[in-house]
């Protein structure tokens, strides 16, 4: 099986940190669990990252980003280039993310 290198952008890391910090203010244990699940999901992209569909939005170039939902609330957007997966965004779907497609 082909293994892919996974690179998380600085922006995605910042987004992840903000999500976890917000949860930790309410429930530190839930924050740790959420972080662990998100990181496991990111690591899982090293194998078969093509298994998730493309993001199909009017203002996003067709075939640029794939989308992976994690738990009920989180959306990871990533690109595959050769043998590398680039995680560019980690979005909390409870928030307005219209900025992403504007």
C-alpha atoms as a PDB file:
ATOM      1  CA  UNK A   1       0.000   0.000   0.000  1.00  0.00           C
ATOM      2  CA  UNK A   2       1.252   3.456  -0.881  1.00  0.00           C
ATOM      3  CA  UNK A   3       1.979   5.683   2.109  1.00  0.00           C
ATOM      4  CA  UNK A   4       1.568   9.435   1.773  1.00  0.00           C
ATOM      5  CA  UNK A   5       3.429  12.122   3.660  1.00  0.00           C
ATOM      6  CA  UNK A   6       0.949  14.360   5.525  1.00  0.00           C
ATOM      7  CA  UNK A   7       1.746  18.048   6.017  1.00  0.00           C
ATOM      8  CA  UNK A   8      -0.522  20.272   8.101  1.00  0.00           C
ATOM      9  CA  UNK A   9      -0.403  23.960   7.181  1.00  0.00           C
ATOM     10  CA  UNK A  10       0.311  26.610   9.792  1.00  0.00           C
ATOM     11  CA  UNK A  11      -3.221  27.925   9.275  1.00  0.00           C
ATOM     12  CA  UNK A  12      -4.737  24.474   9.902  1.00  0.00           C
ATOM     13  CA  UNK A  13      -2.617  24.108  13.053  1.00  0.00           C
ATOM     14  CA  UNK A  14      -3.844  27.497  14.254  1.00  0.00           C
ATOM     15  CA  UNK A  15      -7.441  26.511  13.513  1.00  0.00           C
ATOM     16  CA  UNK A  16      -7.016  23.228  15.405  1.00  0.00           C
ATOM     17  CA  UNK A  17      -5.527  25.060  18.380  1.00  0.00           C
ATOM     18  CA  UNK A  18      -8.424  27.527  18.460  1.00  0.00           C
ATOM     19  CA  UNK A  19     -11.015  24.725  18.368  1.00  0.00           C
ATOM     20  CA  UNK A  20      -9.315  22.809  21.171  1.00  0.00           C
ATOM     21  CA  UNK A  21      -8.806  25.936  23.289  1.00  0.00           C
ATOM     22  CA  UNK A  22     -12.502  26.780  22.983  1.00  0.00           C
ATOM     23  CA  UNK A  23     -13.580  23.285  24.054  1.00  0.00           C
ATOM     24  CA  UNK A  24     -11.045  23.258  26.911  1.00  0.00           C
ATOM     25  CA  UNK A  25     -12.691  26.310  28.463  1.00  0.00           C
ATOM     26  CA  UNK A  26     -15.817  24.217  28.932  1.00  0.00           C
ATOM     27  CA  UNK A  27     -14.490  20.664  29.294  1.00  0.00           C
ATOM     28  CA  UNK A  28     -10.732  19.922  29.333  1.00  0.00           C
ATOM     29  CA  UNK A  29     -11.308  16.179  29.038  1.00  0.00           C
ATOM     30  CA  UNK A  30     -13.486  16.616  25.942  1.00  0.00           C
ATOM     31  CA  UNK A  31     -10.820  18.903  24.478  1.00  0.00           C
ATOM     32  CA  UNK A  32      -8.149  16.208  24.887  1.00  0.00           C
ATOM     33  CA  UNK A  33     -10.431  13.589  23.326  1.00  0.00           C
ATOM     34  CA  UNK A  34     -11.365  15.844  20.412  1.00  0.00           C
ATOM     35  CA  UNK A  35      -7.731  16.698  19.756  1.00  0.00           C
ATOM     36  CA  UNK A  36      -6.775  13.013  19.805  1.00  0.00           C
ATOM     37  CA  UNK A  37      -9.557  12.120  17.345  1.00  0.00           C
ATOM     38  CA  UNK A  38      -8.680  14.983  14.985  1.00  0.00           C
ATOM     39  CA  UNK A  39      -4.981  14.075  15.017  1.00  0.00           C
ATOM     40  CA  UNK A  40      -5.813  10.403  14.401  1.00  0.00           C
ATOM     41  CA  UNK A  41      -8.003  11.428  11.460  1.00  0.00           C
ATOM     42  CA  UNK A  42      -5.186  13.556  10.040  1.00  0.00           C
ATOM     43  CA  UNK A  43      -2.685  10.705  10.434  1.00  0.00           C
ATOM     44  CA  UNK A  44      -5.123   8.345   8.696  1.00  0.00           C
ATOM     45  CA  UNK A  45      -4.704  10.395   5.514  1.00  0.00           C
ATOM     46  CA  UNK A  46      -1.301   8.763   5.060  1.00  0.00           C
ATOM     47  CA  UNK A  47      -3.198   5.757   3.699  1.00  0.00           C
ATOM     48  CA  UNK A  48      -5.735   6.055   0.892  1.00  0.00           C
ATOM     49  CA  UNK A  49      -6.438   9.810   1.110  1.00  0.00           C
ATOM     50  CA  UNK A  50      -8.450   9.469  -2.118  1.00  0.00           C
ATOM     51  CA  UNK A  51     -11.220   7.716  -0.166  1.00  0.00           C
ATOM     52  CA  UNK A  52     -12.879  11.045   0.627  1.00  0.00           C
ATOM     53  CA  UNK A  53     -14.834  13.085  -1.941  1.00  0.00           C
ATOM     54  CA  UNK A  54     -13.893  16.386  -3.494  1.00  0.00           C
ATOM     55  CA  UNK A  55     -15.313  19.591  -2.073  1.00  0.00           C
ATOM     56  CA  UNK A  56     -17.909  20.723  -4.569  1.00  0.00           C
ATOM     57  CA  UNK A  57     -18.491  24.434  -4.052  1.00  0.00           C
ATOM     58  CA  UNK A  58     -19.173  26.996  -6.729  1.00  0.00           C
ATOM     59  CA  UNK A  59     -16.207  29.243  -5.908  1.00  0.00           C
ATOM     60  CA  UNK A  60     -13.619  26.538  -5.226  1.00  0.00           C
ATOM     61  CA  UNK A  61     -11.764  25.152  -8.235  1.00  0.00           C
ATOM     62  CA  UNK A  62     -13.218  21.746  -9.076  1.00  0.00           C
ATOM     63  CA  UNK A  63     -10.983  18.907  -7.942  1.00  0.00           C
ATOM     64  CA  UNK A  64      -8.750  21.083  -5.724  1.00  0.00           C
ATOM     65  CA  UNK A  65      -9.778  20.064  -2.206  1.00  0.00           C
ATOM     66  CA  UNK A  66     -11.021  16.835  -0.738  1.00  0.00           C
ATOM     67  CA  UNK A  67     -13.187  16.924   2.364  1.00  0.00           C
ATOM     68  CA  UNK A  68     -13.163  14.699   5.398  1.00  0.00           C
ATOM     69  CA  UNK A  69     -15.704  15.035   8.202  1.00  0.00           C
ATOM     70  CA  UNK A  70     -14.469  14.175  11.687  1.00  0.00           C
ATOM     71  CA  UNK A  71     -17.011  13.537  14.388  1.00  0.00           C
ATOM     72  CA  UNK A  72     -20.101  15.650  13.957  1.00  0.00           C
ATOM     73  CA  UNK A  73     -18.565  19.079  13.737  1.00  0.00           C
ATOM     74  CA  UNK A  74     -15.205  19.171  12.006  1.00  0.00           C
ATOM     75  CA  UNK A  75     -14.341  19.406   8.349  1.00  0.00           C
ATOM     76  CA  UNK A  76     -10.788  18.839   7.126  1.00  0.00           C
ATOM     77  CA  UNK A  77      -9.952  20.203   3.697  1.00  0.00           C
ATOM     78  CA  UNK A  78      -6.869  18.832   2.015  1.00  0.00           C
ATOM     79  CA  UNK A  79      -5.101  18.479  -1.298  1.00  0.00           C
ATOM     80  CA  UNK A  80      -3.149  15.544  -2.667  1.00  0.00           C
ATOM     81  CA  UNK A  81      -0.067  16.321  -4.732  1.00  0.00           C
ATOM     82  CA  UNK A  82       1.956  13.306  -5.812  1.00  0.00           C
ATOM     83  CA  UNK A  83       2.755  11.376  -2.599  1.00  0.00           C
ATOM     84  CA  UNK A  84       1.960  14.236  -0.205  1.00  0.00           C
ATOM     85  CA  UNK A  85      -1.292  15.234   1.488  1.00  0.00           C
ATOM     86  CA  UNK A  86      -1.569  18.905   2.437  1.00  0.00           C
ATOM     87  CA  UNK A  87      -4.134  19.627   5.166  1.00  0.00           C
ATOM     88  CA  UNK A  88      -5.001  23.285   4.613  1.00  0.00           C
ATOM     89  CA  UNK A  89      -8.074  23.875   6.796  1.00  0.00           C
ATOM     90  CA  UNK A  90      -9.740  22.416   9.879  1.00  0.00           C
ATOM     91  CA  UNK A  91     -13.178  23.985  10.075  1.00  0.00           C
ATOM     92  CA  UNK A  92     -15.723  23.836  12.882  1.00  0.00           C
ATOM     93  CA  UNK A  93     -18.964  23.444  10.925  1.00  0.00           C
ATOM     94  CA  UNK A  94     -20.960  25.084  13.710  1.00  0.00           C
ATOM     95  CA  UNK A  95     -19.311  28.359  12.712  1.00  0.00           C
ATOM     96  CA  UNK A  96     -19.840  30.367   9.565  1.00  0.00           C
ATOM     97  CA  UNK A  97     -17.211  29.310   7.063  1.00  0.00           C
ATOM     98  CA  UNK A  98     -18.531  31.242   4.094  1.00  0.00           C
ATOM     99  CA  UNK A  99     -15.186  33.094   4.069  1.00  0.00           C
ATOM    100  CA  UNK A 100     -13.676  29.880   2.764  1.00  0.00           C
ATOM    101  CA  UNK A 101     -15.610  29.974  -0.476  1.00  0.00           C
ATOM    102  CA  UNK A 102     -15.786  33.752  -0.967  1.00  0.00           C
END
